Amino acid sequence: MSKTQLITGDTSKYVLDTLDNQGLGLDREVDLERPALPVDITEISDEELMLLYTHFSSYSDFVNTQLACAVVDEKEAERRMDYAESERLLHHQTASPKATVTVIKALVDGDASLASVRQEYLNKYSYRKVLETMASNCERSTAVCSRELTRRTSSDNFKTRSRKFTT
């Protein structure tokens, strides 16, 4: 099993460092493999179920922390892209003062110097979207384990109550 580290940009790293300084640090590195639900969750023992639930919860914590970092870093990339586009808008407006706003916006849209900042934003956006799916899947699997735990304990409580009234 290899260590998994949070991927952070400047802003999310700043936030994590600030949390560390407040004594509210988060795990930035974990030793976790991605858990998987068994085909039939009712066939595993109570101990295995509890371990699986704990594993899903830990994995979900890490994925959700990574998701939060990705959201923050995506916002940072979006801000950089907006700033770069504004600079190019001003450049084209200054270079062509008689051009219409539509023409200037078209020039900015086609400006090759913005390709890298736009690609960076697209990468951050795409990464965040996939992480959202992973986080949702983890939460759903954790809920399946939780429901099975509840079913088992409810069944045990029912059996115990039944014995009280039949003896």
N, C-alpha and C. Protein backbone atom coordinates (compact mmCIF):
# COMPACT_ATOMS: atom_id res chain seq x y z
N MET A 1 0.85 -1.16 0.00
CA MET A 1 0.00 0.00 0.00
C MET A 1 0.90 1.23 0.00
N SER A 2 0.63 2.15 -0.89
CA SER A 2 1.45 3.36 -0.96
C SER A 2 0.69 4.53 -0.34
N LYS A 3 1.45 5.50 0.07
CA LYS A 3 0.86 6.69 0.67
C LYS A 3 0.21 7.54 -0.41
N THR A 4 -0.93 8.10 -0.07
CA THR A 4 -1.64 9.02 -0.95
C THR A 4 -1.55 10.40 -0.32
N GLN A 5 -1.14 11.37 -1.12
CA GLN A 5 -0.99 12.74 -0.61
C GLN A 5 -2.02 13.66 -1.24
N LEU A 6 -2.45 14.64 -0.45
CA LEU A 6 -3.32 15.67 -0.99
C LEU A 6 -2.57 16.44 -2.07
N ILE A 7 -3.28 16.78 -3.11
CA ILE A 7 -2.74 17.63 -4.15
C ILE A 7 -3.25 19.03 -3.85
N THR A 8 -2.31 19.97 -3.67
CA THR A 8 -2.72 21.32 -3.29
C THR A 8 -2.07 22.35 -4.21
N GLY A 9 -2.82 23.40 -4.45
CA GLY A 9 -2.28 24.58 -5.14
C GLY A 9 -1.88 25.59 -4.08
N ASP A 10 -1.51 26.76 -4.52
CA ASP A 10 -1.07 27.80 -3.58
C ASP A 10 -2.12 28.14 -2.54
N THR A 11 -3.36 28.33 -2.97
CA THR A 11 -4.41 28.76 -2.05
C THR A 11 -4.81 27.65 -1.09
N SER A 12 -5.02 26.45 -1.59
CA SER A 12 -5.42 25.36 -0.68
C SER A 12 -4.28 25.01 0.28
N LYS A 13 -3.04 25.11 -0.17
CA LYS A 13 -1.90 24.88 0.73
C LYS A 13 -1.89 25.94 1.83
N TYR A 14 -2.16 27.18 1.47
CA TYR A 14 -2.25 28.26 2.45
C TYR A 14 -3.32 27.94 3.49
N VAL A 15 -4.47 27.48 3.04
CA VAL A 15 -5.57 27.16 3.95
C VAL A 15 -5.16 26.02 4.89
N LEU A 16 -4.56 24.96 4.35
CA LEU A 16 -4.13 23.84 5.18
C LEU A 16 -3.05 24.27 6.19
N ASP A 17 -2.12 25.10 5.75
CA ASP A 17 -1.09 25.61 6.66
C ASP A 17 -1.72 26.45 7.77
N THR A 18 -2.70 27.26 7.42
CA THR A 18 -3.39 28.08 8.41
C THR A 18 -4.12 27.20 9.42
N LEU A 19 -4.78 26.16 8.94
CA LEU A 19 -5.46 25.22 9.84
C LEU A 19 -4.45 24.54 10.76
N ASP A 20 -3.30 24.16 10.22
CA ASP A 20 -2.24 23.56 11.05
C ASP A 20 -1.83 24.52 12.16
N ASN A 21 -1.65 25.79 11.81
CA ASN A 21 -1.25 26.79 12.80
C ASN A 21 -2.30 26.99 13.89
N GLN A 22 -3.54 26.72 13.58
CA GLN A 22 -4.62 26.84 14.56
C GLN A 22 -4.80 25.55 15.37
N GLY A 23 -4.02 24.53 15.05
CA GLY A 23 -4.19 23.24 15.71
C GLY A 23 -5.33 22.43 15.14
N LEU A 24 -5.79 22.79 13.95
CA LEU A 24 -6.92 22.12 13.31
C LEU A 24 -6.46 21.34 12.07
N GLY A 25 -5.23 20.86 12.12
CA GLY A 25 -4.64 20.21 10.95
C GLY A 25 -5.42 19.01 10.44
N LEU A 26 -5.33 18.82 9.16
CA LEU A 26 -5.95 17.68 8.48
C LEU A 26 -4.84 16.75 7.99
N ASP A 27 -5.16 15.48 7.85
CA ASP A 27 -4.19 14.54 7.30
C ASP A 27 -3.94 14.88 5.84
N ARG A 28 -2.68 15.15 5.54
CA ARG A 28 -2.30 15.47 4.15
C ARG A 28 -1.78 14.25 3.42
N GLU A 29 -1.60 13.17 4.16
CA GLU A 29 -1.07 11.93 3.59
C GLU A 29 -1.70 10.77 4.34
N VAL A 30 -2.19 9.80 3.61
CA VAL A 30 -2.81 8.62 4.23
C VAL A 30 -2.33 7.35 3.55
N ASP A 31 -2.44 6.27 4.29
CA ASP A 31 -2.15 4.93 3.79
C ASP A 31 -3.48 4.21 3.59
N LEU A 32 -4.15 4.51 2.52
CA LEU A 32 -5.46 3.91 2.29
C LEU A 32 -5.60 3.40 0.86
N GLU A 33 -6.09 2.20 0.75
CA GLU A 33 -6.50 1.72 -0.57
C GLU A 33 -7.98 2.04 -0.71
N ARG A 34 -8.43 2.18 -1.94
CA ARG A 34 -9.84 2.46 -2.15
C ARG A 34 -10.66 1.24 -1.74
N PRO A 35 -11.60 1.41 -0.82
CA PRO A 35 -12.42 0.29 -0.39
C PRO A 35 -13.46 -0.07 -1.45
N ALA A 36 -13.97 -1.28 -1.37
CA ALA A 36 -15.00 -1.73 -2.30
C ALA A 36 -16.05 -2.51 -1.53
N LEU A 37 -17.29 -2.31 -1.91
CA LEU A 37 -18.38 -3.07 -1.29
C LEU A 37 -18.37 -4.50 -1.81
N PRO A 38 -18.62 -5.46 -0.94
CA PRO A 38 -18.74 -6.84 -1.43
C PRO A 38 -20.04 -6.99 -2.23
N VAL A 39 -20.10 -8.03 -3.02
CA VAL A 39 -21.29 -8.27 -3.84
C VAL A 39 -22.52 -8.41 -2.94
N ASP A 40 -22.37 -9.15 -1.83
CA ASP A 40 -23.47 -9.32 -0.88
C ASP A 40 -22.97 -8.93 0.51
N ILE A 41 -23.32 -7.74 0.92
CA ILE A 41 -22.83 -7.20 2.19
C ILE A 41 -23.38 -7.98 3.39
N THR A 42 -24.49 -8.68 3.20
CA THR A 42 -25.08 -9.43 4.32
C THR A 42 -24.26 -10.67 4.67
N GLU A 43 -23.34 -11.07 3.79
CA GLU A 43 -22.56 -12.28 4.04
C GLU A 43 -21.30 -12.05 4.86
N ILE A 44 -20.90 -10.79 5.09
CA ILE A 44 -19.68 -10.56 5.85
C ILE A 44 -20.01 -10.48 7.34
N SER A 45 -19.02 -10.79 8.15
CA SER A 45 -19.22 -10.80 9.60
C SER A 45 -19.41 -9.38 10.14
N ASP A 46 -19.88 -9.30 11.38
CA ASP A 46 -20.05 -7.99 12.01
C ASP A 46 -18.73 -7.24 12.09
N GLU A 47 -17.66 -7.94 12.43
CA GLU A 47 -16.35 -7.31 12.55
C GLU A 47 -15.87 -6.79 11.18
N GLU A 48 -16.04 -7.61 10.14
CA GLU A 48 -15.65 -7.19 8.80
C GLU A 48 -16.48 -6.00 8.33
N LEU A 49 -17.75 -6.00 8.68
CA LEU A 49 -18.63 -4.90 8.30
C LEU A 49 -18.19 -3.60 8.98
N MET A 50 -17.86 -3.69 10.26
CA MET A 50 -17.43 -2.50 10.98
C MET A 50 -16.10 -1.98 10.43
N LEU A 51 -15.18 -2.89 10.09
CA LEU A 51 -13.91 -2.48 9.48
C LEU A 51 -14.15 -1.82 8.11
N LEU A 52 -15.06 -2.39 7.33
CA LEU A 52 -15.38 -1.83 6.03
C LEU A 52 -15.98 -0.43 6.18
N TYR A 53 -16.88 -0.29 7.14
CA TYR A 53 -17.51 1.01 7.41
C TYR A 53 -16.45 2.03 7.80
N THR A 54 -15.55 1.64 8.68
CA THR A 54 -14.47 2.53 9.12
C THR A 54 -13.55 2.89 7.95
N HIS A 55 -13.25 1.91 7.12
CA HIS A 55 -12.40 2.15 5.94
C HIS A 55 -13.07 3.14 4.99
N PHE A 56 -14.36 2.93 4.71
CA PHE A 56 -15.08 3.85 3.83
C PHE A 56 -15.14 5.25 4.44
N SER A 57 -15.35 5.34 5.75
CA SER A 57 -15.41 6.65 6.40
C SER A 57 -14.07 7.37 6.29
N SER A 58 -12.97 6.68 6.54
CA SER A 58 -11.64 7.29 6.44
C SER A 58 -11.35 7.71 5.00
N TYR A 59 -11.67 6.84 4.07
CA TYR A 59 -11.43 7.15 2.67
C TYR A 59 -12.28 8.35 2.23
N SER A 60 -13.52 8.37 2.67
CA SER A 60 -14.42 9.47 2.36
C SER A 60 -13.91 10.78 2.95
N ASP A 61 -13.39 10.74 4.17
CA ASP A 61 -12.80 11.94 4.78
C ASP A 61 -11.69 12.50 3.90
N PHE A 62 -10.81 11.62 3.45
CA PHE A 62 -9.68 12.06 2.63
C PHE A 62 -10.15 12.60 1.28
N VAL A 63 -11.06 11.90 0.64
CA VAL A 63 -11.57 12.34 -0.67
C VAL A 63 -12.28 13.69 -0.55
N ASN A 64 -13.05 13.86 0.52
CA ASN A 64 -13.75 15.13 0.71
C ASN A 64 -12.79 16.27 1.03
N THR A 65 -11.70 15.99 1.74
CA THR A 65 -10.68 17.01 1.97
C THR A 65 -10.02 17.38 0.65
N GLN A 66 -9.71 16.36 -0.17
CA GLN A 66 -9.12 16.64 -1.48
C GLN A 66 -10.09 17.42 -2.34
N LEU A 67 -11.37 17.11 -2.25
CA LEU A 67 -12.39 17.85 -3.01
C LEU A 67 -12.41 19.32 -2.59
N ALA A 68 -12.34 19.57 -1.30
CA ALA A 68 -12.32 20.96 -0.83
C ALA A 68 -11.10 21.70 -1.38
N CYS A 69 -9.95 21.04 -1.36
CA CYS A 69 -8.74 21.66 -1.93
C CYS A 69 -8.92 21.92 -3.42
N ALA A 70 -9.54 20.98 -4.12
CA ALA A 70 -9.75 21.13 -5.56
C ALA A 70 -10.69 22.30 -5.87
N VAL A 71 -11.72 22.48 -5.05
CA VAL A 71 -12.66 23.60 -5.25
C VAL A 71 -11.92 24.93 -5.08
N VAL A 72 -11.12 25.01 -4.02
CA VAL A 72 -10.36 26.23 -3.75
C VAL A 72 -9.37 26.51 -4.89
N ASP A 73 -8.67 25.46 -5.33
CA ASP A 73 -7.68 25.63 -6.40
C ASP A 73 -8.33 25.95 -7.74
N GLU A 74 -9.51 25.40 -7.96
CA GLU A 74 -10.25 25.73 -9.19
C GLU A 74 -10.62 27.21 -9.18
N LYS A 75 -11.07 27.70 -8.04
CA LYS A 75 -11.43 29.12 -7.92
C LYS A 75 -10.22 30.00 -8.19
N GLU A 76 -9.06 29.59 -7.67
CA GLU A 76 -7.82 30.33 -7.91
C GLU A 76 -7.49 30.35 -9.41
N ALA A 77 -7.63 29.22 -10.09
CA ALA A 77 -7.35 29.15 -11.53
C ALA A 77 -8.35 29.99 -12.32
N GLU A 78 -9.59 29.98 -11.88
CA GLU A 78 -10.62 30.79 -12.54
C GLU A 78 -10.29 32.28 -12.40
N ARG A 79 -9.85 32.69 -11.23
CA ARG A 79 -9.48 34.09 -11.00
C ARG A 79 -8.30 34.48 -11.91
N ARG A 80 -7.31 33.59 -12.00
CA ARG A 80 -6.16 33.87 -12.87
C ARG A 80 -6.59 33.99 -14.34
N MET A 81 -7.49 33.11 -14.75
CA MET A 81 -7.97 33.15 -16.13
C MET A 81 -8.76 34.44 -16.38
N ASP A 82 -9.64 34.80 -15.46
CA ASP A 82 -10.42 36.03 -15.62
C ASP A 82 -9.50 37.25 -15.70
N TYR A 83 -8.48 37.27 -14.87
CA TYR A 83 -7.54 38.39 -14.86
C TYR A 83 -6.78 38.46 -16.20
N ALA A 84 -6.31 37.31 -16.65
CA ALA A 84 -5.57 37.28 -17.93
C ALA A 84 -6.47 37.72 -19.08
N GLU A 85 -7.74 37.29 -19.07
CA GLU A 85 -8.67 37.70 -20.12
C GLU A 85 -8.94 39.20 -20.05
N SER A 86 -9.04 39.74 -18.84
CA SER A 86 -9.26 41.18 -18.69
C SER A 86 -8.06 41.97 -19.23
N GLU A 87 -6.87 41.48 -18.94
CA GLU A 87 -5.67 42.14 -19.47
C GLU A 87 -5.68 42.14 -21.00
N ARG A 88 -6.02 41.00 -21.57
CA ARG A 88 -6.04 40.90 -23.04
C ARG A 88 -7.15 41.78 -23.62
N LEU A 89 -8.27 41.87 -22.92
CA LEU A 89 -9.37 42.73 -23.36
C LEU A 89 -8.90 44.18 -23.42
N LEU A 90 -8.21 44.62 -22.37
CA LEU A 90 -7.68 45.98 -22.36
C LEU A 90 -6.62 46.18 -23.45
N HIS A 91 -5.79 45.18 -23.64
CA HIS A 91 -4.76 45.26 -24.69
C HIS A 91 -5.41 45.44 -26.06
N HIS A 92 -6.39 44.61 -26.37
CA HIS A 92 -7.05 44.68 -27.69
C HIS A 92 -7.85 45.97 -27.84
N GLN A 93 -8.44 46.43 -26.74
CA GLN A 93 -9.21 47.67 -26.80
C GLN A 93 -8.28 48.86 -27.06
N THR A 94 -7.11 48.84 -26.41
CA THR A 94 -6.14 49.91 -26.63
C THR A 94 -5.56 49.86 -28.04
N ALA A 95 -5.30 48.64 -28.52
CA ALA A 95 -4.71 48.46 -29.85
C ALA A 95 -5.71 48.79 -30.96
N SER A 96 -6.98 48.59 -30.70
CA SER A 96 -8.02 48.84 -31.71
C SER A 96 -9.15 49.66 -31.08
N PRO A 97 -8.93 50.95 -30.81
CA PRO A 97 -9.92 51.75 -30.08
C PRO A 97 -11.26 51.91 -30.80
N LYS A 98 -11.29 51.72 -32.10
CA LYS A 98 -12.55 51.87 -32.84
C LYS A 98 -13.31 50.56 -33.01
N ALA A 99 -12.72 49.48 -32.53
CA ALA A 99 -13.38 48.17 -32.67
C ALA A 99 -14.56 48.08 -31.71
N THR A 100 -15.57 47.35 -32.14
CA THR A 100 -16.75 47.15 -31.28
C THR A 100 -16.41 46.16 -30.16
N VAL A 101 -17.23 46.18 -29.13
CA VAL A 101 -17.04 45.26 -28.00
C VAL A 101 -17.10 43.82 -28.49
N THR A 102 -17.98 43.53 -29.41
CA THR A 102 -18.11 42.18 -29.95
C THR A 102 -16.83 41.73 -30.63
N VAL A 103 -16.23 42.61 -31.40
CA VAL A 103 -14.98 42.29 -32.10
C VAL A 103 -13.86 42.08 -31.08
N ILE A 104 -13.80 42.95 -30.10
CA ILE A 104 -12.74 42.84 -29.08
C ILE A 104 -12.90 41.52 -28.30
N LYS A 105 -14.12 41.18 -27.95
CA LYS A 105 -14.36 39.91 -27.24
C LYS A 105 -13.97 38.73 -28.12
N ALA A 106 -14.23 38.83 -29.40
CA ALA A 106 -13.84 37.76 -30.33
C ALA A 106 -12.33 37.65 -30.40
N LEU A 107 -11.65 38.78 -30.40
CA LEU A 107 -10.19 38.76 -30.41
C LEU A 107 -9.64 38.10 -29.14
N VAL A 108 -10.26 38.40 -28.01
CA VAL A 108 -9.83 37.80 -26.74
C VAL A 108 -10.10 36.30 -26.76
N ASP A 109 -11.28 35.91 -27.26
CA ASP A 109 -11.61 34.48 -27.32
C ASP A 109 -10.60 33.70 -28.16
N GLY A 110 -10.12 34.32 -29.21
CA GLY A 110 -9.17 33.65 -30.10
C GLY A 110 -7.71 33.91 -29.75
N ASP A 111 -7.46 34.59 -28.66
CA ASP A 111 -6.09 34.97 -28.29
C ASP A 111 -5.31 33.74 -27.81
N ALA A 112 -4.31 33.36 -28.57
CA ALA A 112 -3.52 32.15 -28.26
C ALA A 112 -2.71 32.30 -26.97
N SER A 113 -2.43 33.52 -26.56
CA SER A 113 -1.65 33.70 -25.33
C SER A 113 -2.41 33.28 -24.08
N LEU A 114 -3.72 33.05 -24.21
CA LEU A 114 -4.55 32.64 -23.08
C LEU A 114 -4.72 31.12 -23.00
N ALA A 115 -4.17 30.41 -23.96
CA ALA A 115 -4.39 28.96 -24.03
C ALA A 115 -3.95 28.24 -22.75
N SER A 116 -2.79 28.56 -22.23
CA SER A 116 -2.29 27.82 -21.05
C SER A 116 -3.12 28.09 -19.80
N VAL A 117 -3.51 29.35 -19.59
CA VAL A 117 -4.31 29.68 -18.40
C VAL A 117 -5.71 29.08 -18.52
N ARG A 118 -6.24 29.01 -19.73
CA ARG A 118 -7.55 28.38 -19.93
C ARG A 118 -7.47 26.86 -19.73
N GLN A 119 -6.38 26.28 -20.21
CA GLN A 119 -6.19 24.84 -20.04
C GLN A 119 -6.02 24.50 -18.56
N GLU A 120 -5.29 25.33 -17.83
CA GLU A 120 -5.12 25.11 -16.40
C GLU A 120 -6.47 25.14 -15.69
N TYR A 121 -7.30 26.12 -16.04
CA TYR A 121 -8.64 26.20 -15.44
C TYR A 121 -9.47 24.96 -15.79
N LEU A 122 -9.44 24.56 -17.04
CA LEU A 122 -10.19 23.37 -17.47
C LEU A 122 -9.73 22.13 -16.72
N ASN A 123 -8.42 22.00 -16.54
CA ASN A 123 -7.89 20.85 -15.78
C ASN A 123 -8.38 20.85 -14.34
N LYS A 124 -8.35 22.01 -13.70
CA LYS A 124 -8.80 22.13 -12.30
C LYS A 124 -10.29 21.85 -12.20
N TYR A 125 -11.06 22.38 -13.14
CA TYR A 125 -12.50 22.15 -13.17
C TYR A 125 -12.80 20.66 -13.34
N SER A 126 -12.13 20.04 -14.28
CA SER A 126 -12.37 18.62 -14.57
C SER A 126 -11.99 17.74 -13.38
N TYR A 127 -10.87 18.04 -12.76
CA TYR A 127 -10.42 17.29 -11.58
C TYR A 127 -11.45 17.40 -10.47
N ARG A 128 -11.95 18.61 -10.24
CA ARG A 128 -12.96 18.81 -9.20
C ARG A 128 -14.23 18.03 -9.51
N LYS A 129 -14.66 18.02 -10.76
CA LYS A 129 -15.88 17.30 -11.13
C LYS A 129 -15.75 15.79 -10.87
N VAL A 130 -14.60 15.22 -11.21
CA VAL A 130 -14.39 13.79 -10.98
C VAL A 130 -14.32 13.50 -9.48
N LEU A 131 -13.67 14.38 -8.73
CA LEU A 131 -13.63 14.21 -7.27
C LEU A 131 -15.02 14.26 -6.66
N GLU A 132 -15.88 15.13 -7.17
CA GLU A 132 -17.26 15.18 -6.67
C GLU A 132 -17.95 13.83 -6.85
N THR A 133 -17.71 13.20 -7.99
CA THR A 133 -18.30 11.89 -8.24
C THR A 133 -17.74 10.85 -7.26
N MET A 134 -16.42 10.89 -7.07
CA MET A 134 -15.80 9.95 -6.12
C MET A 134 -16.34 10.17 -4.71
N ALA A 135 -16.46 11.41 -4.29
CA ALA A 135 -16.97 11.72 -2.95
C ALA A 135 -18.41 11.22 -2.80
N SER A 136 -19.19 11.43 -3.82
CA SER A 136 -20.59 10.97 -3.80
C SER A 136 -20.65 9.44 -3.72
N ASN A 137 -19.80 8.76 -4.49
CA ASN A 137 -19.76 7.30 -4.46
C ASN A 137 -19.35 6.79 -3.08
N CYS A 138 -18.35 7.45 -2.48
CA CYS A 138 -17.90 7.05 -1.13
C CYS A 138 -19.01 7.22 -0.11
N GLU A 139 -19.70 8.35 -0.19
CA GLU A 139 -20.78 8.60 0.76
C GLU A 139 -21.89 7.58 0.60
N ARG A 140 -22.19 7.21 -0.64
CA ARG A 140 -23.25 6.23 -0.89
C ARG A 140 -22.84 4.86 -0.35
N SER A 141 -21.58 4.48 -0.56
CA SER A 141 -21.10 3.19 -0.05
C SER A 141 -21.04 3.18 1.47
N THR A 142 -20.64 4.29 2.06
CA THR A 142 -20.62 4.40 3.52
C THR A 142 -22.05 4.26 4.05
N ALA A 143 -23.00 4.85 3.36
CA ALA A 143 -24.40 4.75 3.77
C ALA A 143 -24.91 3.31 3.69
N VAL A 144 -24.47 2.57 2.67
CA VAL A 144 -24.87 1.15 2.55
C VAL A 144 -24.37 0.38 3.77
N CYS A 145 -23.10 0.61 4.15
CA CYS A 145 -22.54 -0.06 5.33
C CYS A 145 -23.32 0.34 6.59
N SER A 146 -23.62 1.61 6.70
CA SER A 146 -24.35 2.11 7.86
C SER A 146 -25.74 1.48 7.95
N ARG A 147 -26.42 1.39 6.82
CA ARG A 147 -27.76 0.77 6.81
C ARG A 147 -27.68 -0.70 7.22
N GLU A 148 -26.63 -1.39 6.76
CA GLU A 148 -26.49 -2.80 7.13
C GLU A 148 -26.20 -2.92 8.63
N LEU A 149 -25.37 -2.04 9.15
CA LEU A 149 -25.10 -2.04 10.59
C LEU A 149 -26.39 -1.79 11.37
N THR A 150 -27.17 -0.84 10.93
CA THR A 150 -28.44 -0.52 11.59
C THR A 150 -29.39 -1.70 11.50
N ARG A 151 -29.45 -2.33 10.33
CA ARG A 151 -30.34 -3.49 10.16
C ARG A 151 -29.95 -4.59 11.14
N ARG A 152 -28.67 -4.84 11.26
CA ARG A 152 -28.20 -5.90 12.17
C ARG A 152 -28.49 -5.57 13.62
N THR A 153 -28.24 -4.34 14.00
CA THR A 153 -28.47 -3.99 15.41
C THR A 153 -29.96 -3.91 15.70
N SER A 154 -30.76 -3.48 14.75
CA SER A 154 -32.21 -3.45 14.94
C SER A 154 -32.75 -4.86 15.07
N SER A 155 -32.22 -5.76 14.26
CA SER A 155 -32.63 -7.16 14.32
C SER A 155 -32.26 -7.76 15.66
N ASP A 156 -31.06 -7.46 16.15
CA ASP A 156 -30.63 -7.96 17.46
C ASP A 156 -31.51 -7.40 18.56
N ASN A 157 -31.85 -6.12 18.50
CA ASN A 157 -32.70 -5.51 19.52
C ASN A 157 -34.10 -6.13 19.50
N PHE A 158 -34.61 -6.42 18.29
CA PHE A 158 -35.92 -7.03 18.17
C PHE A 158 -35.92 -8.42 18.81
N LYS A 159 -34.86 -9.21 18.54
CA LYS A 159 -34.76 -10.54 19.11
C LYS A 159 -34.68 -10.48 20.63
N THR A 160 -33.92 -9.53 21.18
CA THR A 160 -33.78 -9.37 22.63
C THR A 160 -35.11 -8.98 23.24
N ARG A 161 -35.83 -8.05 22.62
CA ARG A 161 -37.14 -7.63 23.14
C ARG A 161 -38.13 -8.79 23.07
N SER A 162 -38.05 -9.58 22.01
CA SER A 162 -38.98 -10.70 21.85
C SER A 162 -38.79 -11.70 22.98
N ARG A 163 -37.53 -11.98 23.33
CA ARG A 163 -37.25 -12.93 24.41
C ARG A 163 -37.80 -12.43 25.74
N LYS A 164 -37.77 -11.15 25.99
CA LYS A 164 -38.27 -10.60 27.25
C LYS A 164 -39.75 -10.87 27.43
N PHE A 165 -40.49 -10.82 26.33
CA PHE A 165 -41.94 -10.94 26.43
C PHE A 165 -42.42 -12.39 26.28
N THR A 166 -41.56 -13.30 25.85
CA THR A 166 -42.00 -14.68 25.65
C THR A 166 -41.56 -15.59 26.78
N THR A 167 -40.76 -15.13 27.70
CA THR A 167 -40.31 -16.00 28.81
C THR A 167 -41.12 -15.82 30.04
